[in-house]
PDB file of N, CA and C in Angstrom:
ATOM      1  N   MET A   1     197.061  35.455 -35.118  1.00  0.00           N
ATOM      2  CA  MET A   1     198.326  36.139 -34.839  1.00  0.00           C
ATOM      3  C   MET A   1     198.052  37.597 -34.511  1.00  0.00           C
ATOM      4  N   GLY A   2     199.102  38.322 -34.104  1.00  0.00           N
ATOM      5  CA  GLY A   2     198.988  39.719 -33.687  1.00  0.00           C
ATOM      6  C   GLY A   2     198.756  40.663 -34.845  1.00  0.00           C
ATOM      7  N   PRO A   3     198.627  41.939 -34.519  1.00  0.00           N
ATOM      8  CA  PRO A   3     198.401  42.948 -35.555  1.00  0.00           C
ATOM      9  C   PRO A   3     199.647  43.176 -36.401  1.00  0.00           C
ATOM     10  N   VAL A   4     199.456  43.879 -37.511  1.00  0.00           N
ATOM     11  CA  VAL A   4     200.555  44.142 -38.442  1.00  0.00           C
ATOM     12  C   VAL A   4     201.555  45.125 -37.840  1.00  0.00           C
ATOM     13  N   ASN A   5     201.093  46.035 -36.993  1.00  0.00           N
ATOM     14  CA  ASN A   5     201.976  47.064 -36.416  1.00  0.00           C
ATOM     15  C   ASN A   5     202.908  46.447 -35.384  1.00  0.00           C
ATOM     16  N   LEU A   6     204.096  46.113 -35.798  1.00  0.00           N
ATOM     17  CA  LEU A   6     205.085  45.509 -34.924  1.00  0.00           C
ATOM     18  C   LEU A   6     206.060  46.580 -34.439  1.00  0.00           C
ATOM     19  N   SER A   7     206.710  46.304 -33.329  1.00  0.00           N
ATOM     20  CA  SER A   7     207.735  47.235 -32.850  1.00  0.00           C
ATOM     21  C   SER A   7     208.884  47.245 -33.849  1.00  0.00           C
ATOM     22  N   PRO A   8     209.677  48.321 -33.905  1.00  0.00           N
ATOM     23  CA  PRO A   8     210.791  48.369 -34.865  1.00  0.00           C
ATOM     24  C   PRO A   8     211.737  47.179 -34.732  1.00  0.00           C
ATOM     25  N   GLU A   9     211.986  46.733 -33.498  1.00  0.00           N
ATOM     26  CA  GLU A   9     212.896  45.600 -33.289  1.00  0.00           C
ATOM     27  C   GLU A   9     212.293  44.322 -33.867  1.00  0.00           C
ATOM     28  N   ALA A  10     211.025  44.090 -33.576  1.00  0.00           N
ATOM     29  CA  ALA A  10     210.362  42.876 -34.059  1.00  0.00           C
ATOM     30  C   ALA A  10     210.222  42.914 -35.573  1.00  0.00           C
ATOM     31  N   SER A  11     209.857  44.076 -36.109  1.00  0.00           N
ATOM     32  CA  SER A  11     209.610  44.137 -37.547  1.00  0.00           C
ATOM     33  C   SER A  11     210.906  44.008 -38.342  1.00  0.00           C
ATOM     34  N   ALA A  12     212.026  44.399 -37.758  1.00  0.00           N
ATOM     35  CA  ALA A  12     213.305  44.256 -38.453  1.00  0.00           C
ATOM     36  C   ALA A  12     213.632  42.775 -38.637  1.00  0.00           C
ATOM     37  N   LYS A  13     213.217  41.949 -37.668  1.00  0.00           N
ATOM     38  CA  LYS A  13     213.507  40.523 -37.721  1.00  0.00           C
ATOM     39  C   LYS A  13     212.424  39.755 -38.470  1.00  0.00           C
ATOM     40  N   SER A  14     211.203  40.268 -38.474  1.00  0.00           N
ATOM     41  CA  SER A  14     210.107  39.533 -39.082  1.00  0.00           C
ATOM     42  C   SER A  14     210.148  39.651 -40.601  1.00  0.00           C
ATOM     43  N   LEU A  15     209.604  38.654 -41.249  1.00  0.00           N
ATOM     44  CA  LEU A  15     209.505  38.692 -42.702  1.00  0.00           C
ATOM     45  C   LEU A  15     208.592  39.849 -43.113  1.00  0.00           C
ATOM     46  N   GLY A  16     207.507  40.052 -42.393  1.00  0.00           N
ATOM     47  CA  GLY A  16     206.593  41.152 -42.698  1.00  0.00           C
ATOM     48  C   GLY A  16     207.294  42.494 -42.690  1.00  0.00           C
ATOM     49  N   GLY A  17     208.165  42.694 -41.714  1.00  0.00           N
ATOM     50  CA  GLY A  17     208.933  43.940 -41.635  1.00  0.00           C
ATOM     51  C   GLY A  17     209.881  44.102 -42.807  1.00  0.00           C
ATOM     52  N   ARG A  18     210.531  43.001 -43.196  1.00  0.00           N
ATOM     53  CA  ARG A  18     211.455  43.056 -44.340  1.00  0.00           C
ATOM     54  C   ARG A  18     210.678  43.315 -45.631  1.00  0.00           C
ATOM     55  N   VAL A  19     209.517  42.678 -45.761  1.00  0.00           N
ATOM     56  CA  VAL A  19     208.684  42.881 -46.949  1.00  0.00           C
ATOM     57  C   VAL A  19     208.224  44.335 -47.010  1.00  0.00           C
ATOM     58  N   SER A  20     207.796  44.900 -45.875  1.00  0.00           N
ATOM     59  CA  SER A  20     207.376  46.303 -45.841  1.00  0.00           C
ATOM     60  C   SER A  20     208.491  47.225 -46.303  1.00  0.00           C
ATOM     61  N   SER A  21     209.715  46.963 -45.865  1.00  0.00           N
ATOM     62  CA  SER A  21     210.865  47.772 -46.281  1.00  0.00           C
ATOM     63  C   SER A  21     211.090  47.678 -47.786  1.00  0.00           C
ATOM     64  N   LEU A  22     210.982  46.467 -48.321  1.00  0.00           N
ATOM     65  CA  LEU A  22     211.169  46.279 -49.765  1.00  0.00           C
ATOM     66  C   LEU A  22     210.039  46.946 -50.550  1.00  0.00           C
ATOM     67  N   ILE A  23     208.834  46.911 -50.026  1.00  0.00           N
ATOM     68  CA  ILE A  23     207.702  47.578 -50.678  1.00  0.00           C
ATOM     69  C   ILE A  23     207.973  49.078 -50.751  1.00  0.00           C
ATOM     70  N   LYS A  24     208.470  49.653 -49.647  1.00  0.00           N
ATOM     71  CA  LYS A  24     208.787  51.092 -49.627  1.00  0.00           C
ATOM     72  C   LYS A  24     209.786  51.454 -50.711  1.00  0.00           C
ATOM     73  N   VAL A  25     210.831  50.650 -50.839  1.00  0.00           N
ATOM     74  CA  VAL A  25     211.860  50.891 -51.848  1.00  0.00           C
ATOM     75  C   VAL A  25     211.254  50.792 -53.246  1.00  0.00           C
ATOM     76  N   GLN A  26     210.447  49.759 -53.476  1.00  0.00           N
ATOM     77  CA  GLN A  26     209.837  49.579 -54.801  1.00  0.00           C
ATOM     78  C   GLN A  26     208.876  50.713 -55.135  1.00  0.00           C
ATOM     79  N   LEU A  27     208.147  51.202 -54.134  1.00  0.00           N
ATOM     80  CA  LEU A  27     207.211  52.303 -54.385  1.00  0.00           C
ATOM     81  C   LEU A  27     207.939  53.529 -54.913  1.00  0.00           C
ATOM     82  N   THR A  28     209.145  53.784 -54.419  1.00  0.00           N
ATOM     83  CA  THR A  28     209.897  54.952 -54.878  1.00  0.00           C
ATOM     84  C   THR A  28     210.288  54.803 -56.351  1.00  0.00           C
ATOM     85  N   ARG A  29     210.339  53.560 -56.827  1.00  0.00           N
ATOM     86  CA  ARG A  29     210.713  53.308 -58.221  1.00  0.00           C
ATOM     87  C   ARG A  29     209.503  53.176 -59.140  1.00  0.00           C
ATOM     88  N   GLY A  30     208.317  53.142 -58.570  1.00  0.00           N
ATOM     89  CA  GLY A  30     207.118  52.992 -59.390  1.00  0.00           C
ATOM     90  C   GLY A  30     206.247  51.862 -58.921  1.00  0.00           C
ATOM     91  N   LYS A  31     206.177  50.818 -59.730  1.00  0.00           N
ATOM     92  CA  LYS A  31     205.242  49.733 -59.447  1.00  0.00           C
ATOM     93  C   LYS A  31     205.816  48.716 -58.461  1.00  0.00           C
ATOM     94  N   VAL A  32     204.935  48.197 -57.618  1.00  0.00           N
ATOM     95  CA  VAL A  32     205.314  47.192 -56.631  1.00  0.00           C
ATOM     96  C   VAL A  32     204.750  45.847 -57.064  1.00  0.00           C
ATOM     97  N   GLY A  33     205.600  44.838 -57.032  1.00  0.00           N
ATOM     98  CA  GLY A  33     205.135  43.506 -57.402  1.00  0.00           C
ATOM     99  C   GLY A  33     205.561  42.456 -56.402  1.00  0.00           C
ATOM    100  N   VAL A  34     204.653  41.547 -56.115  1.00  0.00           N
ATOM    101  CA  VAL A  34     204.956  40.470 -55.174  1.00  0.00           C
ATOM    102  C   VAL A  34     206.088  39.598 -55.718  1.00  0.00           C
ATOM    103  N   GLU A  35     206.136  39.417 -57.032  1.00  0.00           N
ATOM    104  CA  GLU A  35     207.204  38.613 -57.643  1.00  0.00           C
ATOM    105  C   GLU A  35     208.579  39.221 -57.363  1.00  0.00           C
ATOM    106  N   ALA A  36     208.680  40.535 -57.535  1.00  0.00           N
ATOM    107  CA  ALA A  36     209.959  41.216 -57.325  1.00  0.00           C
ATOM    108  C   ALA A  36     210.391  41.128 -55.865  1.00  0.00           C
ATOM    109  N   VAL A  37     209.456  41.324 -54.951  1.00  0.00           N
ATOM    110  CA  VAL A  37     209.770  41.250 -53.516  1.00  0.00           C
ATOM    111  C   VAL A  37     210.204  39.833 -53.158  1.00  0.00           C
ATOM    112  N   ALA A  38     209.469  38.840 -53.643  1.00  0.00           N
ATOM    113  CA  ALA A  38     209.832  37.442 -53.374  1.00  0.00           C
ATOM    114  C   ALA A  38     211.231  37.153 -53.905  1.00  0.00           C
ATOM    115  N   GLY A  39     211.524  37.644 -55.114  1.00  0.00           N
ATOM    116  CA  GLY A  39     212.842  37.448 -55.703  1.00  0.00           C
ATOM    117  C   GLY A  39     213.947  38.072 -54.869  1.00  0.00           C
ATOM    118  N   GLN A  40     213.693  39.275 -54.351  1.00  0.00           N
ATOM    119  CA  GLN A  40     214.701  39.942 -53.516  1.00  0.00           C
ATOM    120  C   GLN A  40     214.950  39.174 -52.219  1.00  0.00           C
ATOM    121  N   LEU A  41     213.958  38.418 -51.785  1.00  0.00           N
ATOM    122  CA  LEU A  41     214.104  37.614 -50.563  1.00  0.00           C
ATOM    123  C   LEU A  41     214.544  36.174 -50.883  1.00  0.00           C
ATOM    124  N   HIS A  42     214.844  35.930 -52.151  1.00  0.00           N
ATOM    125  CA  HIS A  42     215.309  34.614 -52.617  1.00  0.00           C
ATOM    126  C   HIS A  42     214.315  33.515 -52.295  1.00  0.00           C
ATOM    127  N   MET A  43     213.045  33.783 -52.595  1.00  0.00           N
ATOM    128  CA  MET A  43     212.027  32.752 -52.431  1.00  0.00           C
ATOM    129  C   MET A  43     210.970  32.918 -53.509  1.00  0.00           C
ATOM    130  N   SER A  44     210.178  31.870 -53.684  1.00  0.00           N
ATOM    131  CA  SER A  44     209.090  31.945 -54.663  1.00  0.00           C
ATOM    132  C   SER A  44     207.945  32.767 -54.089  1.00  0.00           C
ATOM    133  N   ARG A  45     207.096  33.189 -54.985  1.00  0.00           N
ATOM    134  CA  ARG A  45     205.899  33.938 -54.579  1.00  0.00           C
ATOM    135  C   ARG A  45     205.064  33.099 -53.599  1.00  0.00           C
ATOM    136  N   TYR A  46     204.939  31.812 -53.903  1.00  0.00           N
ATOM    137  CA  TYR A  46     204.159  30.897 -53.060  1.00  0.00           C
ATOM    138  C   TYR A  46     204.753  30.825 -51.649  1.00  0.00           C
ATOM    139  N   THR A  47     206.081  30.664 -51.579  1.00  0.00           N
ATOM    140  CA  THR A  47     206.753  30.573 -50.277  1.00  0.00           C
ATOM    141  C   THR A  47     206.585  31.872 -49.493  1.00  0.00           C
ATOM    142  N   LEU A  48     206.712  32.996 -50.184  1.00  0.00           N
ATOM    143  CA  LEU A  48     206.526  34.292 -49.520  1.00  0.00           C
ATOM    144  C   LEU A  48     205.126  34.384 -48.924  1.00  0.00           C
ATOM    145  N   HIS A  49     204.112  34.064 -49.714  1.00  0.00           N
ATOM    146  CA  HIS A  49     202.732  34.116 -49.213  1.00  0.00           C
ATOM    147  C   HIS A  49     202.546  33.186 -48.015  1.00  0.00           C
ATOM    148  N   LYS A  50     203.122  31.983 -48.110  1.00  0.00           N
ATOM    149  CA  LYS A  50     202.987  30.992 -47.036  1.00  0.00           C
ATOM    150  C   LYS A  50     203.651  31.497 -45.744  1.00  0.00           C
ATOM    151  N   LYS A  51     204.864  32.038 -45.864  1.00  0.00           N
ATOM    152  CA  LYS A  51     205.579  32.510 -44.675  1.00  0.00           C
ATOM    153  C   LYS A  51     204.919  33.744 -44.068  1.00  0.00           C
ATOM    154  N   LEU A  52     204.396  34.632 -44.914  1.00  0.00           N
ATOM    155  CA  LEU A  52     203.670  35.793 -44.388  1.00  0.00           C
ATOM    156  C   LEU A  52     202.413  35.338 -43.656  1.00  0.00           C
ATOM    157  N   ARG A  53     201.730  34.349 -44.222  1.00  0.00           N
ATOM    158  CA  ARG A  53     200.516  33.823 -43.584  1.00  0.00           C
ATOM    159  C   ARG A  53     200.837  33.278 -42.194  1.00  0.00           C
ATOM    160  N   GLN A  54     202.016  32.669 -42.039  1.00  0.00           N
ATOM    161  CA  GLN A  54     202.435  32.155 -40.722  1.00  0.00           C
ATOM    162  C   GLN A  54     202.615  33.292 -39.713  1.00  0.00           C
ATOM    163  N   GLU A  55     202.935  34.497 -40.212  1.00  0.00           N
ATOM    164  CA  GLU A  55     203.064  35.669 -39.335  1.00  0.00           C
ATOM    165  C   GLU A  55     201.717  36.381 -39.160  1.00  0.00           C
ATOM    166  N   GLY A  56     200.699  35.868 -39.862  1.00  0.00           N
ATOM    167  CA  GLY A  56     199.373  36.447 -39.731  1.00  0.00           C
ATOM    168  C   GLY A  56     199.138  37.688 -40.572  1.00  0.00           C
ATOM    169  N   VAL A  57     199.933  37.856 -41.637  1.00  0.00           N
ATOM    170  CA  VAL A  57     199.759  39.010 -42.529  1.00  0.00           C
ATOM    171  C   VAL A  57     199.701  38.536 -43.977  1.00  0.00           C
ATOM    172  N   THR A  58     199.312  39.439 -44.857  1.00  0.00           N
ATOM    173  CA  THR A  58     199.318  39.154 -46.289  1.00  0.00           C
ATOM    174  C   THR A  58     200.134  40.239 -46.986  1.00  0.00           C
ATOM    175  N   PHE A  59     200.591  39.928 -48.180  1.00  0.00           N
ATOM    176  CA  PHE A  59     201.328  40.914 -48.968  1.00  0.00           C
ATOM    177  C   PHE A  59     200.450  42.131 -49.229  1.00  0.00           C
ATOM    178  N   ALA A  60     199.190  41.873 -49.575  1.00  0.00           N
ATOM    179  CA  ALA A  60     198.258  42.971 -49.868  1.00  0.00           C
ATOM    180  C   ALA A  60     198.077  43.888 -48.654  1.00  0.00           C
ATOM    181  N   ALA A  61     197.980  43.305 -47.464  1.00  0.00           N
ATOM    182  CA  ALA A  61     197.818  44.111 -46.241  1.00  0.00           C
ATOM    183  C   ALA A  61     199.067  44.944 -45.976  1.00  0.00           C
ATOM    184  N   LEU A  62     200.239  44.363 -46.201  1.00  0.00           N
ATOM    185  CA  LEU A  62     201.489  45.111 -45.996  1.00  0.00           C
ATOM    186  C   LEU A  62     201.606  46.244 -47.009  1.00  0.00           C
ATOM    187  N   LEU A  63     201.263  45.966 -48.266  1.00  0.00           N
ATOM    188  CA  LEU A  63     201.296  46.994 -49.299  1.00  0.00           C
ATOM    189  C   LEU A  63     200.350  48.139 -48.931  1.00  0.00           C
ATOM    190  N   GLU A  64     199.165  47.792 -48.498  1.00  0.00           N
ATOM    191  CA  GLU A  64     198.174  48.795 -48.115  1.00  0.00           C
ATOM    192  C   GLU A  64     198.692  49.639 -46.937  1.00  0.00           C
ATOM    193  N   GLN A  65     199.295  48.988 -45.940  1.00  0.00           N
ATOM    194  CA  GLN A  65     199.820  49.704 -44.776  1.00  0.00           C
ATOM    195  C   GLN A  65     200.927  50.680 -45.187  1.00  0.00           C
ATOM    196  N   VAL A  66     201.850  50.223 -46.023  1.00  0.00           N
ATOM    197  CA  VAL A  66     202.952  51.081 -46.478  1.00  0.00           C
ATOM    198  C   VAL A  66     202.398  52.257 -47.286  1.00  0.00           C
ATOM    199  N   ARG A  67     201.472  51.962 -48.190  1.00  0.00           N
ATOM    200  CA  ARG A  67     200.872  53.035 -48.999  1.00  0.00           C
ATOM    201  C   ARG A  67     200.184  54.068 -48.102  1.00  0.00           C
ATOM    202  N   ARG A  68     199.464  53.605 -47.102  1.00  0.00           N
ATOM    203  CA  ARG A  68     198.748  54.506 -46.192  1.00  0.00           C
ATOM    204  C   ARG A  68     199.736  55.404 -45.443  1.00  0.00           C
ATOM    205  N   GLU A  69     200.782  54.786 -44.891  1.00  0.00           N
ATOM    206  CA  GLU A  69     201.798  55.561 -44.152  1.00  0.00           C
ATOM    207  C   GLU A  69     202.476  56.580 -45.063  1.00  0.00           C
ATOM    208  N   GLN A  70     202.835  56.149 -46.270  1.00  0.00           N
ATOM    209  CA  GLN A  70     203.494  57.045 -47.219  1.00  0.00           C
ATOM    210  C   GLN A  70     202.543  58.165 -47.647  1.00  0.00           C
ATOM    211  N   ALA A  71     201.275  57.831 -47.867  1.00  0.00           N
ATOM    212  CA  ALA A  71     200.291  58.839 -48.284  1.00  0.00           C
ATOM    213  C   ALA A  71     200.202  59.952 -47.237  1.00  0.00           C
ATOM    214  N   ILE A  72     200.128  59.572 -45.982  1.00  0.00           N
ATOM    215  CA  ILE A  72     200.021  60.563 -44.904  1.00  0.00           C
ATOM    216  C   ILE A  72     201.280  61.425 -44.862  1.00  0.00           C
ATOM    217  N   ALA A  73     202.436  60.804 -45.044  1.00  0.00           N
ATOM    218  CA  ALA A  73     203.694  61.560 -45.066  1.00  0.00           C
ATOM    219  C   ALA A  73     203.728  62.516 -46.258  1.00  0.00           C
ATOM    220  N   TYR A  74     203.335  62.033 -47.444  1.00  0.00           N
ATOM    221  CA  TYR A  74     203.351  62.873 -48.647  1.00  0.00           C
ATOM    222  C   TYR A  74     202.357  64.031 -48.544  1.00  0.00           C
ATOM    223  N   MET A  75     201.244  63.802 -47.862  1.00  0.00           N
ATOM    224  CA  MET A  75     200.205  64.836 -47.761  1.00  0.00           C
ATOM    225  C   MET A  75     200.713  66.065 -47.001  1.00  0.00           C
ATOM    226  N   LYS A  76     201.731  65.887 -46.185  1.00  0.00           N
ATOM    227  CA  LYS A  76     202.274  67.009 -45.401  1.00  0.00           C
ATOM    228  C   LYS A  76     202.920  68.063 -46.289  1.00  0.00           C
ATOM    229  N   ASP A  77     203.377  67.649 -47.471  1.00  0.00           N
ATOM    230  CA  ASP A  77     203.945  68.596 -48.429  1.00  0.00           C
ATOM    231  C   ASP A  77     202.801  69.147 -49.274  1.00  0.00           C
ATOM    232  N   LYS A  78     202.310  70.319 -48.864  1.00  0.00           N
ATOM    233  CA  LYS A  78     201.144  70.912 -49.531  1.00  0.00           C
ATOM    234  C   LYS A  78     201.409  71.252 -50.992  1.00  0.00           C
ATOM    235  N   SER A  79     202.664  71.427 -51.355  1.00  0.00           N
ATOM    236  CA  SER A  79     202.984  71.788 -52.744  1.00  0.00           C
ATOM    237  C   SER A  79     202.918  70.578 -53.675  1.00  0.00           C
ATOM    238  N   LYS A  80     202.865  69.379 -53.096  1.00  0.00           N
ATOM    239  CA  LYS A  80     202.850  68.153 -53.911  1.00  0.00           C
ATOM    240  C   LYS A  80     201.422  67.874 -54.382  1.00  0.00           C
ATOM    241  N   PRO A  81     201.190  67.894 -55.699  1.00  0.00           N
ATOM    242  CA  PRO A  81     199.839  67.632 -56.210  1.00  0.00           C
ATOM    243  C   PRO A  81     199.370  66.215 -55.863  1.00  0.00           C
ATOM    244  N   LEU A  82     198.070  66.073 -55.631  1.00  0.00           N
ATOM    245  CA  LEU A  82     197.507  64.760 -55.289  1.00  0.00           C
ATOM    246  C   LEU A  82     197.773  63.729 -56.384  1.00  0.00           C
ATOM    247  N   VAL A  83     197.734  64.169 -57.627  1.00  0.00           N
ATOM    248  CA  VAL A  83     197.966  63.235 -58.737  1.00  0.00           C
ATOM    249  C   VAL A  83     199.398  62.684 -58.667  1.00  0.00           C
ATOM    250  N   GLU A  84     200.334  63.505 -58.226  1.00  0.00           N
ATOM    251  CA  GLU A  84     201.729  63.056 -58.071  1.00  0.00           C
ATOM    252  C   GLU A  84     201.839  62.058 -56.918  1.00  0.00           C
ATOM    253  N   ILE A  85     201.136  62.319 -55.822  1.00  0.00           N
ATOM    254  CA  ILE A  85     201.128  61.399 -54.679  1.00  0.00           C
ATOM    255  C   ILE A  85     200.566  60.046 -55.124  1.00  0.00           C
ATOM    256  N   ALA A  86     199.448  60.084 -55.847  1.00  0.00           N
ATOM    257  CA  ALA A  86     198.826  58.849 -56.334  1.00  0.00           C
ATOM    258  C   ALA A  86     199.813  58.044 -57.172  1.00  0.00           C
ATOM    259  N   GLU A  87     200.522  58.747 -58.056  1.00  0.00           N
ATOM    260  CA  GLU A  87     201.506  58.100 -58.927  1.00  0.00           C
ATOM    261  C   GLU A  87     202.637  57.485 -58.106  1.00  0.00           C
ATOM    262  N   GLN A  88     203.143  58.244 -57.120  1.00  0.00           N
ATOM    263  CA  GLN A  88     204.253  57.752 -56.295  1.00  0.00           C
ATOM    264  C   GLN A  88     203.866  56.535 -55.463  1.00  0.00           C
ATOM    265  N   LEU A  89     202.580  56.390 -55.192  1.00  0.00           N
ATOM    266  CA  LEU A  89     202.117  55.248 -54.404  1.00  0.00           C
ATOM    267  C   LEU A  89     201.702  54.067 -55.281  1.00  0.00           C
ATOM    268  N   GLY A  90     201.892  54.221 -56.601  1.00  0.00           N
ATOM    269  CA  GLY A  90     201.621  53.120 -57.514  1.00  0.00           C
ATOM    270  C   GLY A  90     200.167  52.971 -57.921  1.00  0.00           C
ATOM    271  N   PHE A  91     199.368  54.012 -57.727  1.00  0.00           N
ATOM    272  CA  PHE A  91     197.974  53.961 -58.174  1.00  0.00           C
ATOM    273  C   PHE A  91     197.912  54.337 -59.652  1.00  0.00           C
ATOM    274  N   SER A  92     197.041  53.664 -60.392  1.00  0.00           N
ATOM    275  CA  SER A  92     196.937  53.898 -61.830  1.00  0.00           C
ATOM    276  C   SER A  92     196.354  55.267 -62.133  1.00  0.00           C
ATOM    277  N   GLU A  93     195.491  55.755 -61.248  1.00  0.00           N
ATOM    278  CA  GLU A  93     194.920  57.085 -61.458  1.00  0.00           C
ATOM    279  C   GLU A  93     194.497  57.705 -60.132  1.00  0.00           C
ATOM    280  N   LEU A  94     194.263  58.998 -60.165  1.00  0.00           N
ATOM    281  CA  LEU A  94     193.921  59.753 -58.964  1.00  0.00           C
ATOM    282  C   LEU A  94     192.660  59.211 -58.298  1.00  0.00           C
ATOM    283  N   SER A  95     191.657  58.815 -59.082  1.00  0.00           N
ATOM    284  CA  SER A  95     190.401  58.339 -58.490  1.00  0.00           C
ATOM    285  C   SER A  95     190.626  57.076 -57.648  1.00  0.00           C
ATOM    286  N   ALA A  96     191.509  56.199 -58.086  1.00  0.00           N
ATOM    287  CA  ALA A  96     191.809  54.979 -57.324  1.00  0.00           C
ATOM    288  C   ALA A  96     192.483  55.344 -55.998  1.00  0.00           C
ATOM    289  N   PHE A  97     193.417  56.295 -56.039  1.00  0.00           N
ATOM    290  CA  PHE A  97     194.065  56.772 -54.821  1.00  0.00           C
ATOM    291  C   PHE A  97     193.041  57.423 -53.893  1.00  0.00           C
ATOM    292  N   SER A  98     192.176  58.254 -54.456  1.00  0.00           N
ATOM    293  CA  SER A  98     191.170  58.955 -53.647  1.00  0.00           C
ATOM    294  C   SER A  98     190.258  57.974 -52.919  1.00  0.00           C
ATOM    295  N   ARG A  99     189.831  56.929 -53.614  1.00  0.00           N
ATOM    296  CA  ARG A  99     188.971  55.914 -52.982  1.00  0.00           C
ATOM    297  C   ARG A  99     189.719  55.206 -51.855  1.00  0.00           C
ATOM    298  N   ALA A 100     190.967  54.830 -52.108  1.00  0.00           N
ATOM    299  CA  ALA A 100     191.759  54.143 -51.082  1.00  0.00           C
ATOM    300  C   ALA A 100     191.986  55.064 -49.883  1.00  0.00           C
ATOM    301  N   PHE A 101     192.323  56.316 -50.148  1.00  0.00           N
ATOM    302  CA  PHE A 101     192.590  57.265 -49.069  1.00  0.00           C
ATOM    303  C   PHE A 101     191.338  57.470 -48.222  1.00  0.00           C
ATOM    304  N   LYS A 102     190.193  57.585 -48.872  1.00  0.00           N
ATOM    305  CA  LYS A 102     188.938  57.775 -48.141  1.00  0.00           C
ATOM    306  C   LYS A 102     188.648  56.551 -47.266  1.00  0.00           C
ATOM    307  N   ARG A 103     188.960  55.356 -47.777  1.00  0.00           N
ATOM    308  CA  ARG A 103     188.776  54.123 -47.007  1.00  0.00           C
ATOM    309  C   ARG A 103     189.689  54.126 -45.773  1.00  0.00           C
ATOM    310  N   TRP A 104     190.936  54.578 -45.949  1.00  0.00           N
ATOM    311  CA  TRP A 104     191.895  54.584 -44.848  1.00  0.00           C
ATOM    312  C   TRP A 104     191.574  55.635 -43.802  1.00  0.00           C
ATOM    313  N   MET A 105     191.258  56.840 -44.263  1.00  0.00           N
ATOM    314  CA  MET A 105     191.188  57.984 -43.367  1.00  0.00           C
ATOM    315  C   MET A 105     189.765  58.495 -43.111  1.00  0.00           C
ATOM    316  N   GLY A 106     188.799  57.983 -43.863  1.00  0.00           N
ATOM    317  CA  GLY A 106     187.416  58.402 -43.674  1.00  0.00           C
ATOM    318  C   GLY A 106     187.059  59.718 -44.340  1.00  0.00           C
ATOM    319  N   THR A 107     188.007  60.273 -45.066  1.00  0.00           N
ATOM    320  CA  THR A 107     187.776  61.544 -45.749  1.00  0.00           C
ATOM    321  C   THR A 107     188.590  61.581 -47.045  1.00  0.00           C
ATOM    322  N   PRO A 108     188.098  62.236 -48.095  1.00  0.00           N
ATOM    323  CA  PRO A 108     188.873  62.315 -49.337  1.00  0.00           C
ATOM    324  C   PRO A 108     190.193  63.078 -49.123  1.00  0.00           C
ATOM    325  N   PRO A 109     191.215  62.803 -49.930  1.00  0.00           N
ATOM    326  CA  PRO A 109     192.530  63.415 -49.711  1.00  0.00           C
ATOM    327  C   PRO A 109     192.516  64.946 -49.718  1.00  0.00           C
ATOM    328  N   ALA A 110     191.794  65.555 -50.619  1.00  0.00           N
ATOM    329  CA  ALA A 110     191.784  67.025 -50.675  1.00  0.00           C
ATOM    330  C   ALA A 110     191.189  67.611 -49.398  1.00  0.00           C
ATOM    331  N   GLU A 111     190.110  66.983 -48.916  1.00  0.00           N
ATOM    332  CA  GLU A 111     189.466  67.439 -47.687  1.00  0.00           C
ATOM    333  C   GLU A 111     190.393  67.208 -46.484  1.00  0.00           C
ATOM    334  N   TYR A 112     191.022  66.039 -46.436  1.00  0.00           N
ATOM    335  CA  TYR A 112     191.969  65.717 -45.365  1.00  0.00           C
ATOM    336  C   TYR A 112     193.063  66.781 -45.296  1.00  0.00           C
ATOM    337  N   ARG A 113     193.602  67.107 -46.455  1.00  0.00           N
ATOM    338  CA  ARG A 113     194.688  68.066 -46.526  1.00  0.00           C
ATOM    339  C   ARG A 113     194.226  69.436 -46.037  1.00  0.00           C
ATOM    340  N   SER A 114     193.056  69.877 -46.461  1.00  0.00           N
ATOM    341  CA  SER A 114     192.591  71.211 -46.060  1.00  0.00           C
ATOM    342  C   SER A 114     192.217  71.247 -44.571  1.00  0.00           C
ATOM    343  N   LEU A 115     191.694  70.137 -44.034  1.00  0.00           N
ATOM    344  CA  LEU A 115     191.336  70.099 -42.612  1.00  0.00           C
ATOM    345  C   LEU A 115     192.550  69.978 -41.703  1.00  0.00           C
ATOM    346  N   ARG A 116     193.431  69.014 -42.028  1.00  0.00           N
ATOM    347  CA  ARG A 116     194.538  68.669 -41.136  1.00  0.00           C
ATOM    348  C   ARG A 116     195.748  69.587 -41.317  1.00  0.00           C
ATOM    349  N   MET A 117     195.924  70.078 -42.495  1.00  0.00           N
ATOM    350  CA  MET A 117     197.187  70.755 -42.806  1.00  0.00           C
ATOM    351  C   MET A 117     197.084  72.272 -42.798  1.00  0.00           C
ATOM    352  N   SER A 118     195.928  72.802 -42.385  1.00  0.00           N
ATOM    353  CA  SER A 118     195.782  74.261 -42.414  1.00  0.00           C
ATOM    354  C   SER A 118     196.407  74.925 -41.196  1.00  0.00           C
TER     355      SER A 118
END
C-alpha cells in the first residue's frame, strides 16, 4: 500500500487519518492507548489492527508519525523545556524522547533546536 502521508481529503476518510486525529487528542491528555482509540472507533483492538493493516499502516507507525509532527511543532516554542515536550508526547522520560527525536531527525533535540531555531 501507499505511504502514511495521505492528502487531507484522503486522510479524513481513511481509518488511519481518523486514528491519527484521535492519537493527537489523546496525546494532549497524556498517555495514548490502542485500546482507547479502538473504543472511540467502536471496534476491538484486533479489528482496528486488522483494518489499519488493510490500509498498509500500523498503530505504532501512526503514533510515531503524530509524535514526530507534534515534537517539531513544540520545538518551535523555545521557552518550552525539552522535558515538558517529552511529557506532552507521552514519553516516560527525557532520554526516551531524545533517542526517538534523534532517530526521526538525525540530531538530538537540543542540537536541533539550537541549529534550526536560532
